[in-house]
Protein backbone atom coordinates (compact mmCIF):
# COMPACT_ATOMS: atom_id res chain seq x y z
CA MET A 1 0.09 -0.01 0.06
CA SER A 2 1.25 3.51 -0.80
CA ALA A 3 2.59 5.92 1.73
CA THR A 4 -0.03 8.59 0.72
CA SER A 5 -3.77 8.39 1.87
CA HIS A 6 -6.75 9.61 -0.01
CA ARG A 7 -5.79 7.72 -3.14
CA ARG A 8 -7.19 7.86 -6.61
CA ILE A 9 -7.31 4.53 -8.08
CA VAL A 10 -8.41 4.11 -11.72
CA ILE A 11 -9.03 0.49 -12.98
CA GLY A 12 -8.88 -0.46 -16.72
CA ASP A 13 -11.18 -2.64 -18.88
CA VAL A 14 -12.16 -5.70 -16.65
CA HIS A 15 -14.33 -7.37 -19.17
CA GLY A 16 -15.83 -10.11 -16.89
CA HIS A 17 -12.65 -11.09 -14.92
CA TYR A 18 -14.14 -10.83 -11.49
CA LYS A 19 -11.75 -13.15 -9.87
CA GLY A 20 -8.77 -11.04 -11.39
CA LEU A 21 -10.46 -8.00 -10.08
CA MET A 22 -10.67 -9.21 -6.73
CA THR A 23 -7.03 -10.17 -6.81
CA LEU A 24 -6.20 -6.76 -8.05
CA LEU A 25 -8.16 -5.07 -5.43
CA GLU A 26 -6.45 -7.10 -2.87
CA ALA A 27 -3.26 -5.73 -3.89
CA ILE A 28 -4.37 -2.18 -4.03
CA ALA A 29 -6.11 -2.46 -0.71
CA PRO A 30 -8.39 0.48 -1.07
CA THR A 31 -9.55 2.11 2.14
CA SER A 32 -12.77 4.14 2.63
CA ASP A 33 -10.67 7.34 2.18
CA ASP A 34 -9.62 6.26 -1.44
CA GLN A 35 -11.58 6.85 -4.43
CA VAL A 36 -11.98 4.03 -7.00
CA TYR A 37 -12.98 4.71 -10.62
CA PHE A 38 -13.74 2.15 -13.45
CA LEU A 39 -13.08 3.09 -17.00
CA GLY A 40 -16.03 1.07 -18.28
CA ASP A 41 -16.27 -2.33 -20.33
CA LEU A 42 -16.89 -4.23 -17.13
CA ILE A 43 -18.70 -6.90 -19.11
CA ASP A 44 -18.40 -9.16 -22.16
CA ARG A 45 -15.72 -11.67 -22.99
CA GLY A 46 -14.77 -12.93 -19.66
CA PRO A 47 -16.61 -15.40 -17.49
CA GLN A 48 -18.19 -13.44 -14.69
CA SER A 49 -19.61 -10.22 -16.11
CA ALA A 50 -22.65 -10.29 -13.90
CA GLN A 51 -20.60 -10.72 -10.72
CA VAL A 52 -18.24 -7.58 -11.79
CA VAL A 53 -21.31 -5.45 -12.41
CA ASN A 54 -22.93 -6.57 -9.07
CA PHE A 55 -19.54 -5.71 -7.32
CA VAL A 56 -18.94 -2.41 -8.69
CA LYS A 57 -22.59 -1.26 -8.27
CA ASP A 58 -23.15 -2.47 -4.68
CA ASN A 59 -20.06 -0.80 -3.74
CA HIS A 60 -20.85 2.49 -5.21
CA TYR A 61 -17.81 2.71 -7.22
CA GLU A 62 -17.77 5.47 -10.04
CA CYS A 63 -17.88 3.98 -13.31
CA LEU A 64 -17.86 5.09 -16.94
CA LEU A 65 -19.97 3.89 -19.71
CA GLY A 66 -17.84 1.74 -22.11
CA ASN A 67 -18.65 0.83 -25.55
CA HIS A 68 -19.73 -2.71 -24.46
CA GLU A 69 -22.06 -1.32 -21.95
CA GLN A 70 -23.47 0.93 -24.51
CA MET A 71 -23.87 -1.97 -26.98
CA LEU A 72 -25.82 -3.90 -24.27
CA LEU A 73 -28.08 -1.06 -23.57
CA ASN A 74 -28.91 -0.37 -27.18
CA ILE A 75 -30.13 -4.11 -27.50
CA LEU A 76 -32.03 -4.00 -24.23
CA THR A 77 -33.67 -0.51 -24.83
CA ASN A 78 -34.49 -0.56 -28.46
CA GLY A 79 -37.14 -2.67 -29.66
CA HIS A 80 -36.23 -2.74 -33.31
CA ILE A 81 -32.49 -3.69 -33.18
CA PRO A 82 -31.35 -5.45 -36.33
CA THR A 83 -30.17 -8.95 -36.15
CA SER A 84 -26.91 -7.86 -37.31
CA THR A 85 -26.48 -5.47 -34.39
CA LEU A 86 -27.15 -8.32 -31.95
CA GLN A 87 -24.78 -10.66 -33.60
CA ALA A 88 -22.06 -8.17 -33.68
CA TRP A 89 -22.46 -7.75 -29.68
CA LEU A 90 -22.63 -11.49 -29.14
CA TYR A 91 -19.53 -11.80 -31.24
CA SER A 92 -17.73 -9.08 -29.35
CA GLY A 93 -18.29 -11.09 -26.09
CA GLY A 94 -21.81 -10.73 -25.27
CA GLN A 95 -22.54 -14.46 -25.27
CA ALA A 96 -20.42 -14.76 -22.18
CA THR A 97 -22.17 -12.02 -20.39
CA ILE A 98 -25.45 -13.71 -21.08
CA ALA A 99 -24.06 -16.91 -19.62
CA SER A 100 -22.97 -15.08 -16.51
CA TYR A 101 -26.43 -14.08 -15.55
CA GLN A 102 -27.59 -17.73 -15.56
CA GLN A 103 -31.06 -16.61 -16.30
CA ALA A 104 -33.26 -15.60 -19.08
CA THR A 105 -33.01 -11.82 -18.56
CA ILE A 106 -30.47 -9.30 -17.23
CA PRO A 107 -31.78 -8.04 -13.76
CA PRO A 108 -33.77 -4.70 -13.97
CA GLU A 109 -31.58 -3.14 -11.39
CA HIS A 110 -28.39 -3.81 -13.53
CA VAL A 111 -30.00 -2.41 -16.46
CA GLU A 112 -31.03 0.85 -14.70
CA TRP A 113 -27.64 1.30 -13.01
CA LEU A 114 -25.92 0.79 -16.42
CA LYS A 115 -28.27 3.63 -17.77
CA THR A 116 -26.80 5.94 -15.00
CA LEU A 117 -23.14 5.71 -16.07
CA PRO A 118 -21.61 8.81 -17.27
CA THR A 119 -19.28 9.21 -20.52
CA TYR A 120 -16.40 11.07 -18.57
CA LEU A 121 -15.52 12.28 -15.47
CA ASP A 122 -13.39 15.42 -14.78
CA LEU A 123 -11.23 15.08 -11.59
CA GLY A 124 -9.51 18.45 -12.08
CA ASP A 125 -6.00 17.60 -13.18
CA VAL A 126 -7.11 14.20 -14.53
CA TRP A 127 -9.90 13.57 -16.89
CA LEU A 128 -11.31 10.19 -17.54
CA ALA A 129 -13.11 8.65 -20.42
CA HIS A 130 -13.52 5.00 -21.68
CA ALA A 131 -11.88 5.77 -25.25
CA GLY A 132 -10.99 9.40 -25.44
CA VAL A 133 -12.15 12.46 -27.16
CA ASP A 134 -12.31 13.50 -30.86
CA PRO A 135 -9.76 16.38 -30.97
CA THR A 136 -11.43 17.86 -34.02
CA ILE A 137 -14.68 18.44 -31.95
CA PRO A 138 -15.38 20.88 -29.17
CA LEU A 139 -15.99 18.93 -25.93
CA ALA A 140 -19.63 20.12 -25.47
CA GLU A 141 -20.59 18.76 -28.97
CA GLN A 142 -19.23 15.12 -28.21
CA THR A 143 -21.24 12.26 -27.30
CA ALA A 144 -21.04 8.60 -26.39
CA GLU A 145 -20.02 8.02 -29.87
CA GLN A 146 -16.79 9.81 -29.26
CA PHE A 147 -16.24 9.04 -25.55
CA CYS A 148 -16.90 5.34 -25.98
CA TRP A 149 -15.53 4.57 -29.50
CA VAL A 150 -12.75 6.99 -30.74
CA ARG A 151 -9.46 5.31 -31.37
CA ASP A 152 -7.01 6.62 -34.16
CA LYS A 153 -8.17 10.46 -34.12
CA PHE A 154 -7.39 10.37 -30.39
CA HIS A 155 -4.32 8.42 -30.25
CA THR A 156 -2.65 10.36 -33.23
CA ILE A 157 -3.09 13.83 -31.60
CA ASP A 158 0.13 16.01 -31.93
CA LYS A 159 -0.89 18.08 -28.64
CA PRO A 160 -2.85 17.64 -25.55
CA TYR A 161 -6.46 18.22 -26.00
CA PHE A 162 -6.32 19.77 -22.41
CA SER A 163 -3.65 21.99 -21.20
CA ASP A 164 -4.06 21.33 -17.74
CA LYS A 165 -5.49 17.80 -17.51
CA LEU A 166 -4.22 14.32 -18.37
CA ILE A 167 -6.62 12.03 -19.97
CA ILE A 168 -6.92 8.53 -18.80
CA VAL A 169 -8.57 5.97 -21.02
CA GLY A 170 -9.06 2.29 -21.78
CA HIS A 171 -10.82 0.79 -24.64
CA THR A 172 -7.76 0.32 -26.79
CA ILE A 173 -5.63 -2.47 -25.69
CA THR A 174 -2.02 -1.03 -25.40
CA PHE A 175 -0.11 -3.76 -27.30
CA THR A 176 -2.25 -2.92 -30.43
CA LEU A 177 -0.40 0.56 -30.37
CA PRO A 178 2.94 0.70 -32.17
CA GLY A 179 5.97 -0.33 -29.98
CA VAL A 180 4.00 -1.39 -26.88
CA ALA A 181 4.50 -4.69 -25.37
CA PRO A 182 1.71 -6.71 -23.72
CA GLY A 183 1.13 -5.65 -20.13
CA LYS A 184 2.64 -1.99 -20.80
CA LEU A 185 0.66 1.06 -20.50
CA ALA A 186 0.98 3.61 -23.58
CA GLN A 187 1.36 7.33 -23.30
CA GLY A 188 0.79 9.95 -26.00
CA HIS A 189 0.23 13.74 -26.12
CA GLY A 190 -1.85 14.35 -23.09
CA TRP A 191 -3.28 10.95 -22.69
CA LEU A 192 -2.44 7.73 -20.91
CA ASP A 193 -3.99 4.32 -21.95
CA ILE A 194 -4.31 1.75 -19.21
CA ASP A 195 -6.10 -1.23 -20.95
CA THR A 196 -3.65 -3.73 -20.85
CA GLY A 197 -5.94 -6.62 -22.38
CA ALA A 198 -7.10 -8.52 -19.50
CA TYR A 199 -9.29 -10.85 -21.56
CA HIS A 200 -6.69 -11.35 -24.35
CA PRO A 201 -4.50 -14.43 -24.37
CA ARG A 202 -1.53 -12.37 -25.52
CA SER A 203 -1.61 -10.52 -22.41
CA GLY A 204 -3.92 -11.20 -19.50
CA TRP A 205 -2.91 -8.27 -17.51
CA LEU A 206 -5.59 -6.17 -15.85
CA THR A 207 -4.38 -2.82 -14.67
CA GLY A 208 -5.08 -0.53 -11.78
CA LEU A 209 -3.46 2.96 -11.47
CA ASP A 210 -2.85 4.74 -8.42
CA VAL A 211 -2.83 8.40 -9.76
CA THR A 212 -1.91 9.90 -6.48
CA ASN A 213 1.37 8.02 -6.12
CA TRP A 214 1.83 7.16 -9.70
CA LEU A 215 2.01 3.50 -8.92
CA VAL A 216 0.74 0.75 -11.43
CA TYR A 217 -0.91 -2.41 -9.95
CA GLN A 218 -1.37 -5.33 -12.33
CA VAL A 219 -2.85 -8.88 -12.25
CA ASN A 220 -2.43 -11.49 -14.78
CA VAL A 221 -5.82 -13.06 -14.74
CA PHE A 222 -4.64 -16.33 -16.51
CA LYS A 223 -1.47 -16.94 -14.32
CA ASN A 224 -2.56 -14.98 -11.23
CA ASP A 225 0.79 -13.16 -10.96
CA ILE A 226 0.81 -9.86 -9.36
CA ARG A 227 3.14 -6.81 -9.77
CA ILE A 228 3.53 -3.40 -8.42
CA LEU A 229 5.67 -0.69 -10.47
CA PRO A 230 6.11 3.00 -10.54
CA ILE A 231 4.82 4.31 -13.52
CA LYS A 232 7.98 5.08 -15.36
CA GLU A 233 8.68 1.42 -15.35
CA ALA A 234 5.34 0.41 -16.70
CA VAL A 235 4.68 2.99 -19.54
CA THR A 236 5.72 3.27 -23.27
CA HIS A 237 5.70 6.77 -24.81
CA ILE A 238 3.97 6.70 -28.25
CA GLU A 239 6.04 8.85 -30.73
CA LEU A 240 3.53 10.86 -33.13
CA ALA A 241 5.45 9.35 -36.25
CA LYS A 242 4.89 5.92 -35.21
CA ALA A 243 1.29 6.59 -33.99
CA ASN A 244 0.05 6.94 -37.36
CA GLN A 245 0.88 3.40 -37.83
CA VAL A 246 -1.61 2.37 -35.35
CA THR A 247 -2.54 -1.21 -36.10
CA ALA A 248 -5.92 -1.95 -37.81
CA ILE A 249 -6.48 -4.76 -35.34
CA SER A 250 -9.81 -4.04 -33.58
CA PHE A 251 -10.95 -5.99 -30.58
CA GLN A 252 -14.06 -3.52 -29.99
């Protein structure tokens, strides 16, 4: 545990890995004085999405809307969803979410809670979003489409979007960015990506970031390995020239 109290802890995309999340939180050991934030994508792909949602909801942790939560809500709240949209969600991990509930429907209290999730959180010096921002659009004009889905436009910005805030995001697995090894965080101009691909067999790392002390906590959900690193040892800086070569691989 860090030497400084009243920590702000930001946790990347969990994707249904409840056991890994419990191991991560055991390592972080948040107290009642700490603030814990989730960047969204609690659900899909991993085996225990229902348990993750229930845990975050019942502990009143602040959580952002991720693109996977948005896909689920679109399906549940729109009576005329095309079959292709449903199939896209199922292909993107939705089938695992359905299985985790072990019942015919997702509980209404979970659906209503998901509807309340904000698309971003402004913490003063730190600004949280699931995916990032579109640097070509004023903030007031952006919607969940940008905050939950943006990729290349955000990762290739040549100057910080905010002059006084670091944007911390998930959504894009860091090893899909040029020069970033599995498990490493990625940093560009005014942004930091902490989605280290917990569900992906090439990585397995779930990340929590203590932004008060700049410590990185990670657990490998497949191997149950735990590591705690100062951020300078855990981050890879993305050069703009290379960022324009962002891989076309998309894991949604």
